[in-house]
C-alpha atoms as a PDB file:
ATOM      1  CA  MET A   1     -17.140  38.004  17.254  1.00  0.00           C
ATOM      2  CA  THR A   2     -19.096  37.463  20.386  1.00  0.00           C
ATOM      3  CA  LEU A   3     -17.353  36.342  23.692  1.00  0.00           C
ATOM      4  CA  LYS A   4     -19.163  32.806  23.618  1.00  0.00           C
ATOM      5  CA  THR A   5     -17.497  32.300  19.803  1.00  0.00           C
ATOM      6  CA  ALA A   6     -14.043  33.447  21.153  1.00  0.00           C
ATOM      7  CA  LEU A   7     -14.541  31.192  23.999  1.00  0.00           C
ATOM      8  CA  LYS A   8     -15.356  28.386  21.728  1.00  0.00           C
ATOM      9  CA  MET A   9     -12.538  28.789  19.752  1.00  0.00           C
ATOM     10  CA  THR A  10      -9.938  29.368  22.359  1.00  0.00           C
ATOM     11  CA  ALA A  11     -10.951  25.907  23.471  1.00  0.00           C
ATOM     12  CA  ALA A  12     -11.039  24.305  20.233  1.00  0.00           C
ATOM     13  CA  ALA A  13      -7.530  25.803  19.504  1.00  0.00           C
ATOM     14  CA  ALA A  14      -6.661  23.972  23.233  1.00  0.00           C
ATOM     15  CA  SER A  15      -7.752  20.852  22.261  1.00  0.00           C
ATOM     16  CA  LEU A  16      -5.735  20.939  19.141  1.00  0.00           C
ATOM     17  CA  ALA A  17      -2.548  22.092  21.180  1.00  0.00           C
ATOM     18  CA  VAL A  18      -3.280  19.266  23.712  1.00  0.00           C
ATOM     19  CA  LEU A  19      -3.980  16.939  20.607  1.00  0.00           C
ATOM     20  CA  ALA A  20      -0.994  18.030  18.901  1.00  0.00           C
ATOM     21  CA  GLY A  21       1.738  17.968  22.120  1.00  0.00           C
ATOM     22  CA  CYS A  22       0.104  14.034  22.734  1.00  0.00           C
ATOM     23  CA  ALA A  23       0.958  13.254  19.132  1.00  0.00           C
ATOM     24  CA  SER A  24       4.529  15.033  19.297  1.00  0.00           C
ATOM     25  CA  THR A  25       4.830  12.684  22.710  1.00  0.00           C
ATOM     26  CA  SER A  26       3.702   9.700  20.981  1.00  0.00           C
ATOM     27  CA  ALA A  27       6.372  10.295  18.050  1.00  0.00           C
ATOM     28  CA  LEU A  28       9.073  11.361  20.503  1.00  0.00           C
ATOM     29  CA  GLU A  29       7.951   7.381  22.150  1.00  0.00           C
ATOM     30  CA  GLU A  30       8.234   5.856  18.925  1.00  0.00           C
ATOM     31  CA  VAL A  31      11.058   7.695  18.312  1.00  0.00           C
ATOM     32  CA  ARG A  32      12.998   6.741  21.741  1.00  0.00           C
ATOM     33  CA  MET A  33      11.505   2.911  21.287  1.00  0.00           C
ATOM     34  CA  THR A  34      13.291   2.724  17.963  1.00  0.00           C
ATOM     35  CA  ALA A  35      16.649   4.312  18.845  1.00  0.00           C
ATOM     36  CA  GLU A  36      16.357   1.688  22.051  1.00  0.00           C
ATOM     37  CA  SER A  37      15.690  -1.432  19.596  1.00  0.00           C
ATOM     38  CA  ALA A  38      18.393   0.228  17.602  1.00  0.00           C
ATOM     39  CA  GLN A  39      21.131  -0.193  20.376  1.00  0.00           C
ATOM     40  CA  ALA A  40      20.205  -3.949  21.488  1.00  0.00           C
ATOM     41  CA  ASP A  41      20.767  -4.815  17.892  1.00  0.00           C
ATOM     42  CA  ALA A  42      23.847  -3.001  17.859  1.00  0.00           C
ATOM     43  CA  ALA A  43      24.895  -4.733  20.792  1.00  0.00           C
ATOM     44  CA  GLU A  44      23.799  -8.172  19.412  1.00  0.00           C
ATOM     45  CA  ALA A  45      25.687  -7.724  16.410  1.00  0.00           C
ATOM     46  CA  ARG A  46      28.952  -6.395  18.937  1.00  0.00           C
ATOM     47  CA  SER A  47      28.434  -9.729  20.692  1.00  0.00           C
ATOM     48  CA  MET A  48      27.951 -11.332  17.497  1.00  0.00           C
ATOM     49  CA  ALA A  49      31.055 -10.196  15.829  1.00  0.00           C
ATOM     50  CA  SER A  50      33.054 -10.837  19.408  1.00  0.00           C
ATOM     51  CA  GLN A  51      32.186 -14.838  18.989  1.00  0.00           C
ATOM     52  CA  ALA A  52      32.879 -14.477  15.593  1.00  0.00           C
ATOM     53  CA  LEU A  53      36.565 -12.990  16.294  1.00  0.00           C
ATOM     54  CA  ASN A  54      37.072 -15.723  19.369  1.00  0.00           C
ATOM     55  CA  THR A  55      36.536 -18.464  17.165  1.00  0.00           C
ATOM     56  CA  ALA A  56      38.515 -17.115  13.816  1.00  0.00           C
ATOM     57  CA  ASN A  57      41.250 -16.486  16.473  1.00  0.00           C
ATOM     58  CA  GLN A  58      41.268 -20.201  17.595  1.00  0.00           C
ATOM     59  CA  ALA A  59      40.906 -21.372  13.795  1.00  0.00           C
ATOM     60  CA  GLN A  60      44.227 -19.823  13.658  1.00  0.00           C
ATOM     61  CA  ARG A  61      45.672 -20.763  16.583  1.00  0.00           C
ATOM     62  CA  ASP A  62      44.667 -24.888  15.601  1.00  0.00           C
ATOM     63  CA  ALA A  63      45.808 -24.316  12.301  1.00  0.00           C
ATOM     64  CA  GLN A  64      49.103 -22.983  13.574  1.00  0.00           C
ATOM     65  CA  ALA A  65      49.557 -25.519  15.707  1.00  0.00           C
ATOM     66  CA  ALA A  66      48.589 -28.095  12.852  1.00  0.00           C
ATOM     67  CA  LEU A  67      51.297 -26.696  10.648  1.00  0.00           C
ATOM     68  CA  GLN A  68      53.561 -27.237  13.508  1.00  0.00           C
ATOM     69  CA  MET A  69      52.825 -30.510  13.890  1.00  0.00           C
ATOM     70  CA  SER A  70      52.837 -31.411  10.356  1.00  0.00           C
ATOM     71  CA  GLU A  71      56.491 -29.555  10.136  1.00  0.00           C
ATOM     72  CA  GLN A  72      57.520 -31.873  12.703  1.00  0.00           C
ATOM     73  CA  ASN A  73      56.081 -35.106  11.095  1.00  0.00           C
ATOM     74  CA  ARG A  74      58.064 -34.268   7.990  1.00  0.00           C
ATOM     75  CA  GLU A  75      61.132 -33.678   9.602  1.00  0.00           C
ATOM     76  CA  GLU A  76      60.920 -36.795  11.492  1.00  0.00           C
ATOM     77  CA  MET A  77      60.234 -38.678   7.994  1.00  0.00           C
ATOM     78  CA  SER A  78      63.089 -37.196   6.677  1.00  0.00           C
ATOM     79  CA  ARG A  79      65.243 -38.350   9.485  1.00  0.00           C
ATOM     80  CA  GLN A  80      63.671 -41.563   9.228  1.00  0.00           C
ATOM     81  CA  PHE A  81      64.602 -42.053   5.279  1.00  0.00           C
ATOM     82  CA  GLN A  82      67.479 -40.930   5.900  1.00  0.00           C
ATOM     83  CA  ARG A  83      68.356 -43.353   8.777  1.00  0.00           C
ATOM     84  CA  SER A  84      67.038 -46.113   6.146  1.00  0.00           C
ATOM     85  CA  MET A  85      69.254 -45.148   3.383  1.00  0.00           C
ATOM     86  CA  GLN A  86      72.163 -45.395   5.336  1.00  0.00           C
ATOM     87  CA  LYS A  87      71.718 -48.946   6.307  1.00  0.00           C
END
């Protein structure tokens, strides 16, 4: 192998190494972008879950208030019935 051939082979190997490095950097950038997208999706899912929990808690408070009003109405109706039966 001559010096000229060796230099050509070295240059070709160096070019391949640079291209491989670029491909690796490109692949790493793609992985980083995918990870950032996944983190954004997770944050959005957390936000939606939090909103759903808040809505469920409000619905539970409303249901408890409605139950309490229903029980109060039933007691009042019972008292009115008792009064009407005493007349």
